PDB file of N, CA and C in Angstrom:
ATOM      1  N   UNK A   1      62.210  85.863 -22.321  1.00  0.00           N
ATOM      2  CA  UNK A   1      61.433  84.911 -21.539  1.00  0.00           C
ATOM      3  C   UNK A   1      60.482  85.677 -20.620  1.00  0.00           C
ATOM      4  N   UNK A   2      59.257  85.254 -20.585  1.00  0.00           N
ATOM      5  CA  UNK A   2      58.295  85.884 -19.681  1.00  0.00           C
ATOM      6  C   UNK A   2      58.524  85.355 -18.269  1.00  0.00           C
ATOM      7  N   UNK A   3      57.888  86.021 -17.292  1.00  0.00           N
ATOM      8  CA  UNK A   3      58.048  85.624 -15.899  1.00  0.00           C
ATOM      9  C   UNK A   3      57.374  84.298 -15.603  1.00  0.00           C
ATOM     10  N   UNK A   4      57.640  83.827 -14.422  1.00  0.00           N
ATOM     11  CA  UNK A   4      57.065  82.575 -13.958  1.00  0.00           C
ATOM     12  C   UNK A   4      55.820  82.863 -13.136  1.00  0.00           C
ATOM     13  N   UNK A   5      54.949  81.879 -13.063  1.00  0.00           N
ATOM     14  CA  UNK A   5      53.661  82.057 -12.376  1.00  0.00           C
ATOM     15  C   UNK A   5      53.663  81.352 -11.033  1.00  0.00           C
ATOM     16  N   UNK A   6      53.139  82.047 -10.029  1.00  0.00           N
ATOM     17  CA  UNK A   6      52.925  81.466  -8.710  1.00  0.00           C
ATOM     18  C   UNK A   6      51.619  82.032  -8.164  1.00  0.00           C
ATOM     19  N   UNK A   7      50.824  81.181  -7.530  1.00  0.00           N
ATOM     20  CA  UNK A   7      49.552  81.597  -6.941  1.00  0.00           C
ATOM     21  C   UNK A   7      49.627  81.454  -5.431  1.00  0.00           C
ATOM     22  N   UNK A   8      49.326  82.546  -4.743  1.00  0.00           N
ATOM     23  CA  UNK A   8      49.208  82.548  -3.285  1.00  0.00           C
ATOM     24  C   UNK A   8      47.727  82.631  -2.952  1.00  0.00           C
ATOM     25  N   UNK A   9      47.226  81.712  -2.133  1.00  0.00           N
ATOM     26  CA  UNK A   9      45.848  81.774  -1.653  1.00  0.00           C
ATOM     27  C   UNK A   9      45.917  82.358  -0.240  1.00  0.00           C
ATOM     28  N   UNK A  10      45.387  83.566  -0.100  1.00  0.00           N
ATOM     29  CA  UNK A  10      45.423  84.249   1.182  1.00  0.00           C
ATOM     30  C   UNK A  10      44.460  83.599   2.165  1.00  0.00           C
ATOM     31  N   UNK A  11      44.622  83.917   3.438  1.00  0.00           N
ATOM     32  CA  UNK A  11      43.779  83.357   4.494  1.00  0.00           C
ATOM     33  C   UNK A  11      42.298  83.697   4.288  1.00  0.00           C
ATOM     34  N   UNK A  12      42.028  84.817   3.609  1.00  0.00           N
ATOM     35  CA  UNK A  12      40.640  85.209   3.344  1.00  0.00           C
ATOM     36  C   UNK A  12      40.062  84.528   2.103  1.00  0.00           C
ATOM     37  N   UNK A  13      40.847  83.627   1.479  1.00  0.00           N
ATOM     38  CA  UNK A  13      40.396  82.889   0.311  1.00  0.00           C
ATOM     39  C   UNK A  13      40.697  83.560  -1.021  1.00  0.00           C
ATOM     40  N   UNK A  14      41.144  84.809  -0.990  1.00  0.00           N
ATOM     41  CA  UNK A  14      41.478  85.523  -2.222  1.00  0.00           C
ATOM     42  C   UNK A  14      42.765  84.946  -2.807  1.00  0.00           C
ATOM     43  N   UNK A  15      42.716  84.670  -4.095  1.00  0.00           N
ATOM     44  CA  UNK A  15      43.893  84.153  -4.795  1.00  0.00           C
ATOM     45  C   UNK A  15      44.643  85.302  -5.452  1.00  0.00           C
ATOM     46  N   UNK A  16      45.931  85.408  -5.160  1.00  0.00           N
ATOM     47  CA  UNK A  16      46.802  86.390  -5.807  1.00  0.00           C
ATOM     48  C   UNK A  16      47.657  85.616  -6.800  1.00  0.00           C
ATOM     49  N   UNK A  17      47.391  85.827  -8.076  1.00  0.00           N
ATOM     50  CA  UNK A  17      48.145  85.154  -9.124  1.00  0.00           C
ATOM     51  C   UNK A  17      49.213  86.114  -9.617  1.00  0.00           C
ATOM     52  N   UNK A  18      50.458  85.708  -9.487  1.00  0.00           N
ATOM     53  CA  UNK A  18      51.596  86.517  -9.893  1.00  0.00           C
ATOM     54  C   UNK A  18      52.205  85.848 -11.112  1.00  0.00           C
ATOM     55  N   UNK A  19      52.281  86.588 -12.189  1.00  0.00           N
ATOM     56  CA  UNK A  19      52.743  85.996 -13.448  1.00  0.00           C
ATOM     57  C   UNK A  19      54.079  86.552 -13.914  1.00  0.00           C
ATOM     58  N   UNK A  20      54.748  87.318 -13.038  1.00  0.00           N
ATOM     59  CA  UNK A  20      56.025  87.903 -13.441  1.00  0.00           C
ATOM     60  C   UNK A  20      57.134  87.603 -12.442  1.00  0.00           C
ATOM     61  N   UNK A  21      57.044  86.450 -11.776  1.00  0.00           N
ATOM     62  CA  UNK A  21      58.067  86.061 -10.806  1.00  0.00           C
ATOM     63  C   UNK A  21      59.382  85.789 -11.530  1.00  0.00           C
ATOM     64  N   UNK A  22      60.451  86.219 -10.910  1.00  0.00           N
ATOM     65  CA  UNK A  22      61.778  86.088 -11.500  1.00  0.00           C
ATOM     66  C   UNK A  22      62.541  84.943 -10.845  1.00  0.00           C
ATOM     67  N   UNK A  23      63.168  84.082 -11.648  1.00  0.00           N
ATOM     68  CA  UNK A  23      63.990  83.022 -11.062  1.00  0.00           C
ATOM     69  C   UNK A  23      65.042  83.631 -10.134  1.00  0.00           C
ATOM     70  N   UNK A  24      65.258  82.955  -8.997  1.00  0.00           N
ATOM     71  CA  UNK A  24      66.241  83.422  -8.028  1.00  0.00           C
ATOM     72  C   UNK A  24      65.651  84.230  -6.891  1.00  0.00           C
ATOM     73  N   UNK A  25      64.456  84.787  -7.095  1.00  0.00           N
ATOM     74  CA  UNK A  25      63.786  85.505  -6.014  1.00  0.00           C
ATOM     75  C   UNK A  25      63.215  84.499  -5.035  1.00  0.00           C
ATOM     76  N   UNK A  26      63.196  84.862  -3.746  1.00  0.00           N
ATOM     77  CA  UNK A  26      62.512  83.981  -2.793  1.00  0.00           C
ATOM     78  C   UNK A  26      61.011  84.212  -2.945  1.00  0.00           C
ATOM     79  N   UNK A  27      60.248  83.195  -2.612  1.00  0.00           N
ATOM     80  CA  UNK A  27      58.795  83.333  -2.673  1.00  0.00           C
ATOM     81  C   UNK A  27      58.303  84.371  -1.667  1.00  0.00           C
ATOM     82  N   UNK A  28      59.033  84.572  -0.576  1.00  0.00           N
ATOM     83  CA  UNK A  28      58.678  85.615   0.379  1.00  0.00           C
ATOM     84  C   UNK A  28      58.817  86.995  -0.271  1.00  0.00           C
ATOM     85  N   UNK A  29      59.926  87.220  -0.971  1.00  0.00           N
ATOM     86  CA  UNK A  29      60.135  88.501  -1.649  1.00  0.00           C
ATOM     87  C   UNK A  29      59.035  88.756  -2.674  1.00  0.00           C
ATOM     88  N   UNK A  30      58.698  87.722  -3.421  1.00  0.00           N
ATOM     89  CA  UNK A  30      57.653  87.843  -4.441  1.00  0.00           C
ATOM     90  C   UNK A  30      56.319  88.183  -3.782  1.00  0.00           C
ATOM     91  N   UNK A  31      55.969  87.456  -2.725  1.00  0.00           N
ATOM     92  CA  UNK A  31      54.707  87.700  -2.031  1.00  0.00           C
ATOM     93  C   UNK A  31      54.626  89.090  -1.432  1.00  0.00           C
ATOM     94  N   UNK A  32      55.693  89.523  -0.786  1.00  0.00           N
ATOM     95  CA  UNK A  32      55.699  90.867  -0.183  1.00  0.00           C
ATOM     96  C   UNK A  32      55.590  91.947  -1.252  1.00  0.00           C
ATOM     97  N   UNK A  33      56.346  91.806  -2.328  1.00  0.00           N
ATOM     98  CA  UNK A  33      56.337  92.810  -3.399  1.00  0.00           C
ATOM     99  C   UNK A  33      54.935  92.974  -3.987  1.00  0.00           C
ATOM    100  N   UNK A  34      54.213  91.868  -4.060  1.00  0.00           N
ATOM    101  CA  UNK A  34      52.876  91.888  -4.656  1.00  0.00           C
ATOM    102  C   UNK A  34      51.757  92.049  -3.632  1.00  0.00           C
ATOM    103  N   UNK A  35      52.099  92.345  -2.395  1.00  0.00           N
ATOM    104  CA  UNK A  35      51.097  92.637  -1.370  1.00  0.00           C
ATOM    105  C   UNK A  35      50.244  91.467  -0.946  1.00  0.00           C
ATOM    106  N   UNK A  36      50.813  90.276  -0.935  1.00  0.00           N
ATOM    107  CA  UNK A  36      50.062  89.099  -0.500  1.00  0.00           C
ATOM    108  C   UNK A  36      49.851  89.193   1.015  1.00  0.00           C
ATOM    109  N   UNK A  37      48.590  89.209   1.422  1.00  0.00           N
ATOM    110  CA  UNK A  37      48.249  89.286   2.845  1.00  0.00           C
ATOM    111  C   UNK A  37      48.769  88.056   3.572  1.00  0.00           C
ATOM    112  N   UNK A  38      49.453  88.275   4.697  1.00  0.00           N
ATOM    113  CA  UNK A  38      49.967  87.177   5.499  1.00  0.00           C
ATOM    114  C   UNK A  38      51.418  86.837   5.238  1.00  0.00           C
ATOM    115  N   UNK A  39      51.994  87.352   4.161  1.00  0.00           N
ATOM    116  CA  UNK A  39      53.422  87.163   3.909  1.00  0.00           C
ATOM    117  C   UNK A  39      54.119  88.410   4.447  1.00  0.00           C
ATOM    118  N   UNK A  40      54.575  88.305   5.702  1.00  0.00           N
ATOM    119  CA  UNK A  40      55.132  89.455   6.400  1.00  0.00           C
ATOM    120  C   UNK A  40      56.656  89.490   6.275  1.00  0.00           C
ATOM    121  N   UNK A  41      57.304  88.396   6.590  1.00  0.00           N
ATOM    122  CA  UNK A  41      58.760  88.336   6.471  1.00  0.00           C
ATOM    123  C   UNK A  41      59.472  89.267   7.433  1.00  0.00           C
ATOM    124  N   UNK A  42      59.061  89.263   8.692  1.00  0.00           N
ATOM    125  CA  UNK A  42      59.649  90.151   9.702  1.00  0.00           C
ATOM    126  C   UNK A  42      61.170  90.064   9.775  1.00  0.00           C
ATOM    127  N   UNK A  43      61.728  88.876   9.601  1.00  0.00           N
ATOM    128  CA  UNK A  43      63.180  88.708   9.733  1.00  0.00           C
ATOM    129  C   UNK A  43      63.919  88.991   8.428  1.00  0.00           C
ATOM    130  N   UNK A  44      63.192  89.363   7.392  1.00  0.00           N
ATOM    131  CA  UNK A  44      63.834  89.697   6.122  1.00  0.00           C
ATOM    132  C   UNK A  44      64.330  88.505   5.335  1.00  0.00           C
ATOM    133  N   UNK A  45      63.871  87.339   5.679  1.00  0.00           N
ATOM    134  CA  UNK A  45      64.272  86.145   4.940  1.00  0.00           C
ATOM    135  C   UNK A  45      65.362  85.346   5.627  1.00  0.00           C
ATOM    136  N   UNK A  46      65.601  85.621   6.907  1.00  0.00           N
ATOM    137  CA  UNK A  46      66.652  84.941   7.647  1.00  0.00           C
ATOM    138  C   UNK A  46      66.247  83.629   8.285  1.00  0.00           C
ATOM    139  N   UNK A  47      65.046  83.151   8.018  1.00  0.00           N
ATOM    140  CA  UNK A  47      64.550  81.881   8.559  1.00  0.00           C
ATOM    141  C   UNK A  47      64.503  81.915  10.079  1.00  0.00           C
ATOM    142  N   UNK A  48      64.022  83.059  10.619  1.00  0.00           N
ATOM    143  CA  UNK A  48      64.047  83.219  12.069  1.00  0.00           C
ATOM    144  C   UNK A  48      62.702  83.578  12.684  1.00  0.00           C
ATOM    145  N   UNK A  49      61.631  83.744  11.854  1.00  0.00           N
ATOM    146  CA  UNK A  49      60.405  84.262  12.463  1.00  0.00           C
ATOM    147  C   UNK A  49      59.122  83.522  12.090  1.00  0.00           C
ATOM    148  N   UNK A  50      59.080  82.787  11.039  1.00  0.00           N
ATOM    149  CA  UNK A  50      57.899  82.042  10.585  1.00  0.00           C
ATOM    150  C   UNK A  50      56.736  82.933  10.167  1.00  0.00           C
ATOM    151  N   UNK A  51      57.011  84.200   9.802  1.00  0.00           N
ATOM    152  CA  UNK A  51      55.936  85.081   9.334  1.00  0.00           C
ATOM    153  C   UNK A  51      55.781  85.041   7.814  1.00  0.00           C
ATOM    154  N   UNK A  52      56.315  83.997   7.213  1.00  0.00           N
ATOM    155  CA  UNK A  52      56.086  83.750   5.782  1.00  0.00           C
ATOM    156  C   UNK A  52      55.703  82.283   5.577  1.00  0.00           C
ATOM    157  N   UNK A  53      55.029  81.743   6.575  1.00  0.00           N
ATOM    158  CA  UNK A  53      54.619  80.332   6.604  1.00  0.00           C
ATOM    159  C   UNK A  53      53.542  80.081   5.543  1.00  0.00           C
ATOM    160  N   UNK A  54      53.758  79.076   4.734  1.00  0.00           N
ATOM    161  CA  UNK A  54      52.790  78.681   3.712  1.00  0.00           C
ATOM    162  C   UNK A  54      52.613  77.171   3.737  1.00  0.00           C
ATOM    163  N   UNK A  55      51.510  76.751   3.129  1.00  0.00           N
ATOM    164  CA  UNK A  55      51.249  75.336   2.903  1.00  0.00           C
ATOM    165  C   UNK A  55      51.412  75.097   1.396  1.00  0.00           C
ATOM    166  N   UNK A  56      52.282  74.164   1.054  1.00  0.00           N
ATOM    167  CA  UNK A  56      52.561  73.857  -0.351  1.00  0.00           C
ATOM    168  C   UNK A  56      51.483  72.916  -0.877  1.00  0.00           C
ATOM    169  N   UNK A  57      50.898  73.273  -2.005  1.00  0.00           N
ATOM    170  CA  UNK A  57      49.898  72.423  -2.645  1.00  0.00           C
ATOM    171  C   UNK A  57      50.473  71.025  -2.845  1.00  0.00           C
ATOM    172  N   UNK A  58      49.635  70.027  -2.622  1.00  0.00           N
ATOM    173  CA  UNK A  58      50.061  68.626  -2.664  1.00  0.00           C
ATOM    174  C   UNK A  58      50.834  68.263  -3.927  1.00  0.00           C
ATOM    175  N   UNK A  59      50.399  68.727  -5.077  1.00  0.00           N
ATOM    176  CA  UNK A  59      51.061  68.332  -6.330  1.00  0.00           C
ATOM    177  C   UNK A  59      52.454  68.932  -6.482  1.00  0.00           C
ATOM    178  N   UNK A  60      52.799  69.902  -5.635  1.00  0.00           N
ATOM    179  CA  UNK A  60      54.106  70.567  -5.714  1.00  0.00           C
ATOM    180  C   UNK A  60      55.068  70.133  -4.610  1.00  0.00           C
ATOM    181  N   UNK A  61      54.623  69.330  -3.665  1.00  0.00           N
ATOM    182  CA  UNK A  61      55.462  68.986  -2.520  1.00  0.00           C
ATOM    183  C   UNK A  61      56.769  68.300  -2.904  1.00  0.00           C
ATOM    184  N   UNK A  62      56.727  67.369  -3.837  1.00  0.00           N
ATOM    185  CA  UNK A  62      57.953  66.654  -4.231  1.00  0.00           C
ATOM    186  C   UNK A  62      58.949  67.591  -4.907  1.00  0.00           C
ATOM    187  N   UNK A  63      58.449  68.545  -5.676  1.00  0.00           N
ATOM    188  CA  UNK A  63      59.329  69.488  -6.371  1.00  0.00           C
ATOM    189  C   UNK A  63      59.968  70.455  -5.373  1.00  0.00           C
ATOM    190  N   UNK A  64      59.178  70.930  -4.407  1.00  0.00           N
ATOM    191  CA  UNK A  64      59.673  71.861  -3.390  1.00  0.00           C
ATOM    192  C   UNK A  64      60.630  71.162  -2.428  1.00  0.00           C
ATOM    193  N   UNK A  65      60.279  69.978  -1.986  1.00  0.00           N
ATOM    194  CA  UNK A  65      61.110  69.252  -1.037  1.00  0.00           C
ATOM    195  C   UNK A  65      60.771  69.583   0.412  1.00  0.00           C
ATOM    196  N   UNK A  66      61.498  68.976   1.293  1.00  0.00           N
ATOM    197  CA  UNK A  66      61.293  69.132   2.738  1.00  0.00           C
ATOM    198  C   UNK A  66      62.160  70.278   3.267  1.00  0.00           C
ATOM    199  N   UNK A  67      61.744  70.862   4.392  1.00  0.00           N
ATOM    200  CA  UNK A  67      62.577  71.896   5.014  1.00  0.00           C
ATOM    201  C   UNK A  67      63.863  71.297   5.584  1.00  0.00           C
ATOM    202  N   UNK A  68      64.933  72.115   5.598  1.00  0.00           N
ATOM    203  CA  UNK A  68      66.159  71.662   6.257  1.00  0.00           C
ATOM    204  C   UNK A  68      65.975  71.785   7.776  1.00  0.00           C
ATOM    205  N   UNK A  69      66.993  71.418   8.540  1.00  0.00           N
ATOM    206  CA  UNK A  69      66.879  71.392  10.001  1.00  0.00           C
ATOM    207  C   UNK A  69      66.603  72.772  10.594  1.00  0.00           C
ATOM    208  N   UNK A  70      67.219  73.812  10.066  1.00  0.00           N
ATOM    209  CA  UNK A  70      67.023  75.169  10.589  1.00  0.00           C
ATOM    210  C   UNK A  70      65.592  75.628  10.331  1.00  0.00           C
ATOM    211  N   UNK A  71      65.116  75.402   9.118  1.00  0.00           N
ATOM    212  CA  UNK A  71      63.738  75.780   8.791  1.00  0.00           C
ATOM    213  C   UNK A  71      62.742  74.983   9.637  1.00  0.00           C
ATOM    214  N   UNK A  72      63.000  73.706   9.813  1.00  0.00           N
ATOM    215  CA  UNK A  72      62.106  72.866  10.631  1.00  0.00           C
ATOM    216  C   UNK A  72      62.059  73.382  12.070  1.00  0.00           C
ATOM    217  N   UNK A  73      63.196  73.814  12.602  1.00  0.00           N
ATOM    218  CA  UNK A  73      63.233  74.352  13.965  1.00  0.00           C
ATOM    219  C   UNK A  73      62.437  75.655  14.054  1.00  0.00           C
ATOM    220  N   UNK A  74      62.512  76.480  13.020  1.00  0.00           N
ATOM    221  CA  UNK A  74      61.743  77.730  13.000  1.00  0.00           C
ATOM    222  C   UNK A  74      60.253  77.423  12.904  1.00  0.00           C
ATOM    223  N   UNK A  75      59.885  76.453  12.093  1.00  0.00           N
ATOM    224  CA  UNK A  75      58.480  76.060  11.990  1.00  0.00           C
ATOM    225  C   UNK A  75      57.946  75.519  13.314  1.00  0.00           C
ATOM    226  N   UNK A  76      58.816  74.962  14.140  1.00  0.00           N
ATOM    227  CA  UNK A  76      58.389  74.473  15.458  1.00  0.00           C
ATOM    228  C   UNK A  76      57.794  75.593  16.312  1.00  0.00           C
ATOM    229  N   UNK A  77      58.185  76.852  16.031  1.00  0.00           N
ATOM    230  CA  UNK A  77      57.648  77.988  16.788  1.00  0.00           C
ATOM    231  C   UNK A  77      56.153  78.167  16.544  1.00  0.00           C
ATOM    232  N   UNK A  78      55.670  77.648  15.427  1.00  0.00           N
ATOM    233  CA  UNK A  78      54.242  77.757  15.089  1.00  0.00           C
ATOM    234  C   UNK A  78      53.653  76.352  14.911  1.00  0.00           C
ATOM    235  N   UNK A  79      54.100  75.432  15.745  1.00  0.00           N
ATOM    236  CA  UNK A  79      53.732  74.022  15.592  1.00  0.00           C
ATOM    237  C   UNK A  79      52.231  73.781  15.633  1.00  0.00           C
ATOM    238  N   UNK A  80      51.487  74.661  16.318  1.00  0.00           N
ATOM    239  CA  UNK A  80      50.044  74.448  16.412  1.00  0.00           C
ATOM    240  C   UNK A  80      49.326  74.617  15.070  1.00  0.00           C
ATOM    241  N   UNK A  81      49.963  75.265  14.103  1.00  0.00           N
ATOM    242  CA  UNK A  81      49.341  75.407  12.781  1.00  0.00           C
ATOM    243  C   UNK A  81      50.165  74.736  11.679  1.00  0.00           C
ATOM    244  N   UNK A  82      51.206  74.009  12.068  1.00  0.00           N
ATOM    245  CA  UNK A  82      52.039  73.320  11.074  1.00  0.00           C
ATOM    246  C   UNK A  82      51.331  72.083  10.542  1.00  0.00           C
ATOM    247  N   UNK A  83      51.634  71.796   9.301  1.00  0.00           N
ATOM    248  CA  UNK A  83      51.142  70.593   8.626  1.00  0.00           C
ATOM    249  C   UNK A  83      52.327  69.918   7.959  1.00  0.00           C
ATOM    250  N   UNK A  84      52.096  68.759   7.386  1.00  0.00           N
ATOM    251  CA  UNK A  84      53.164  68.054   6.671  1.00  0.00           C
ATOM    252  C   UNK A  84      53.685  68.852   5.479  1.00  0.00           C
ATOM    253  N   UNK A  85      52.857  69.746   4.953  1.00  0.00           N
ATOM    254  CA  UNK A  85      53.241  70.522   3.773  1.00  0.00           C
ATOM    255  C   UNK A  85      53.646  71.958   4.121  1.00  0.00           C
ATOM    256  N   UNK A  86      53.955  72.212   5.395  1.00  0.00           N
ATOM    257  CA  UNK A  86      54.370  73.548   5.817  1.00  0.00           C
ATOM    258  C   UNK A  86      55.788  73.853   5.346  1.00  0.00           C
ATOM    259  N   UNK A  87      55.978  75.084   4.889  1.00  0.00           N
ATOM    260  CA  UNK A  87      57.301  75.597   4.524  1.00  0.00           C
ATOM    261  C   UNK A  87      57.324  77.089   4.818  1.00  0.00           C
ATOM    262  N   UNK A  88      58.524  77.621   4.962  1.00  0.00           N
ATOM    263  CA  UNK A  88      58.716  79.063   5.038  1.00  0.00           C
ATOM    264  C   UNK A  88      59.100  79.510   3.637  1.00  0.00           C
ATOM    265  N   UNK A  89      58.315  80.410   3.072  1.00  0.00           N
ATOM    266  CA  UNK A  89      58.560  80.744   1.662  1.00  0.00           C
ATOM    267  C   UNK A  89      59.809  81.594   1.467  1.00  0.00           C
ATOM    268  N   UNK A  90      60.422  82.083   2.559  1.00  0.00           N
ATOM    269  CA  UNK A  90      61.709  82.768   2.416  1.00  0.00           C
ATOM    270  C   UNK A  90      62.814  81.789   2.039  1.00  0.00           C
ATOM    271  N   UNK A  91      62.582  80.511   2.269  1.00  0.00           N
ATOM    272  CA  UNK A  91      63.592  79.495   2.022  1.00  0.00           C
ATOM    273  C   UNK A  91      63.418  78.788   0.674  1.00  0.00           C
ATOM    274  N   UNK A  92      62.468  79.247  -0.119  1.00  0.00           N
ATOM    275  CA  UNK A  92      62.218  78.639  -1.430  1.00  0.00           C
ATOM    276  C   UNK A  92      62.509  79.682  -2.499  1.00  0.00           C
ATOM    277  N   UNK A  93      63.451  79.380  -3.365  1.00  0.00           N
ATOM    278  CA  UNK A  93      63.794  80.273  -4.463  1.00  0.00           C
ATOM    279  C   UNK A  93      62.967  79.896  -5.694  1.00  0.00           C
ATOM    280  N   UNK A  94      62.426  80.894  -6.355  1.00  0.00           N
ATOM    281  CA  UNK A  94      61.661  80.643  -7.578  1.00  0.00           C
ATOM    282  C   UNK A  94      62.607  80.126  -8.655  1.00  0.00           C
ATOM    283  N   UNK A  95      62.159  79.126  -9.363  1.00  0.00           N
ATOM    284  CA  UNK A  95      62.920  78.563 -10.484  1.00  0.00           C
ATOM    285  C   UNK A  95      61.938  78.016 -11.506  1.00  0.00           C
ATOM    286  N   UNK A  96      62.422  77.766 -12.704  1.00  0.00           N
ATOM    287  CA  UNK A  96      61.506  77.393 -13.787  1.00  0.00           C
ATOM    288  C   UNK A  96      60.708  76.143 -13.476  1.00  0.00           C
ATOM    289  N   UNK A  97      61.254  75.208 -12.677  1.00  0.00           N
ATOM    290  CA  UNK A  97      60.532  73.985 -12.312  1.00  0.00           C
ATOM    291  C   UNK A  97      59.305  74.281 -11.441  1.00  0.00           C
ATOM    292  N   UNK A  98      59.255  75.490 -10.863  1.00  0.00           N
ATOM    293  CA  UNK A  98      58.141  75.870  -9.993  1.00  0.00           C
ATOM    294  C   UNK A  98      57.092  76.715 -10.714  1.00  0.00           C
ATOM    295  N   UNK A  99      57.228  76.885 -12.018  1.00  0.00           N
ATOM    296  CA  UNK A  99      56.259  77.667 -12.784  1.00  0.00           C
ATOM    297  C   UNK A  99      54.866  77.052 -12.636  1.00  0.00           C
ATOM    298  N   UNK A 100      53.923  77.836 -12.090  1.00  0.00           N
ATOM    299  CA  UNK A 100      52.567  77.354 -11.850  1.00  0.00           C
ATOM    300  C   UNK A 100      52.318  76.968 -10.389  1.00  0.00           C
ATOM    301  N   UNK A 101      53.312  77.110  -9.544  1.00  0.00           N
ATOM    302  CA  UNK A 101      53.220  76.744  -8.127  1.00  0.00           C
ATOM    303  C   UNK A 101      52.027  77.369  -7.450  1.00  0.00           C
ATOM    304  N   UNK A 102      51.425  76.627  -6.532  1.00  0.00           N
ATOM    305  CA  UNK A 102      50.277  77.103  -5.759  1.00  0.00           C
ATOM    306  C   UNK A 102      50.578  76.909  -4.276  1.00  0.00           C
ATOM    307  N   UNK A 103      50.399  77.997  -3.499  1.00  0.00           N
ATOM    308  CA  UNK A 103      50.664  77.996  -2.076  1.00  0.00           C
ATOM    309  C   UNK A 103      49.460  78.575  -1.342  1.00  0.00           C
ATOM    310  N   UNK A 104      49.207  78.087  -0.144  1.00  0.00           N
ATOM    311  CA  UNK A 104      48.179  78.647   0.721  1.00  0.00           C
ATOM    312  C   UNK A 104      48.903  79.316   1.883  1.00  0.00           C
ATOM    313  N   UNK A 105      48.607  80.581   2.120  1.00  0.00           N
ATOM    314  CA  UNK A 105      49.223  81.315   3.213  1.00  0.00           C
ATOM    315  C   UNK A 105      48.644  80.823   4.533  1.00  0.00           C
ATOM    316  N   UNK A 106      49.526  80.456   5.458  1.00  0.00           N
ATOM    317  CA  UNK A 106      49.077  79.990   6.775  1.00  0.00           C
ATOM    318  C   UNK A 106      48.498  81.151   7.556  1.00  0.00           C
ATOM    319  N   UNK A 107      47.552  80.878   8.436  1.00  0.00           N
ATOM    320  CA  UNK A 107      46.964  81.968   9.247  1.00  0.00           C
ATOM    321  C   UNK A 107      48.011  82.559  10.179  1.00  0.00           C
ATOM    322  N   UNK A 108      47.927  83.862  10.402  1.00  0.00           N
ATOM    323  CA  UNK A 108      48.825  84.521  11.354  1.00  0.00           C
ATOM    324  C   UNK A 108      48.350  84.223  12.768  1.00  0.00           C
ATOM    325  N   UNK A 109      49.296  84.036  13.641  1.00  0.00           N
ATOM    326  CA  UNK A 109      48.964  83.754  15.043  1.00  0.00           C
ATOM    327  C   UNK A 109      48.871  85.040  15.833  1.00  0.00           C
TER     328      UNK A 109
END
């Protein structure tokens, strides 16, 4: 089986298309490994820093789902740039249902 595809749109408008994402990896790990600008992951994926904040493309929101209470509280730290489609990509695991996913990296504060 070939890898799964995910597109990160960086704050500068450059699209990073990753076509070898592995199921089970967090989107933060995938973004960092591929050098996506703005995916920092200071806390290492512990849902504690909001440095992997992304906006989920509208057509993928239902598949991704809403953040849990802990993630929502972490997103509150960056409430001035949060939107209805905000998520921390450390909390989203790549899976086959997400093949083709498109995310926009939130601006760093």
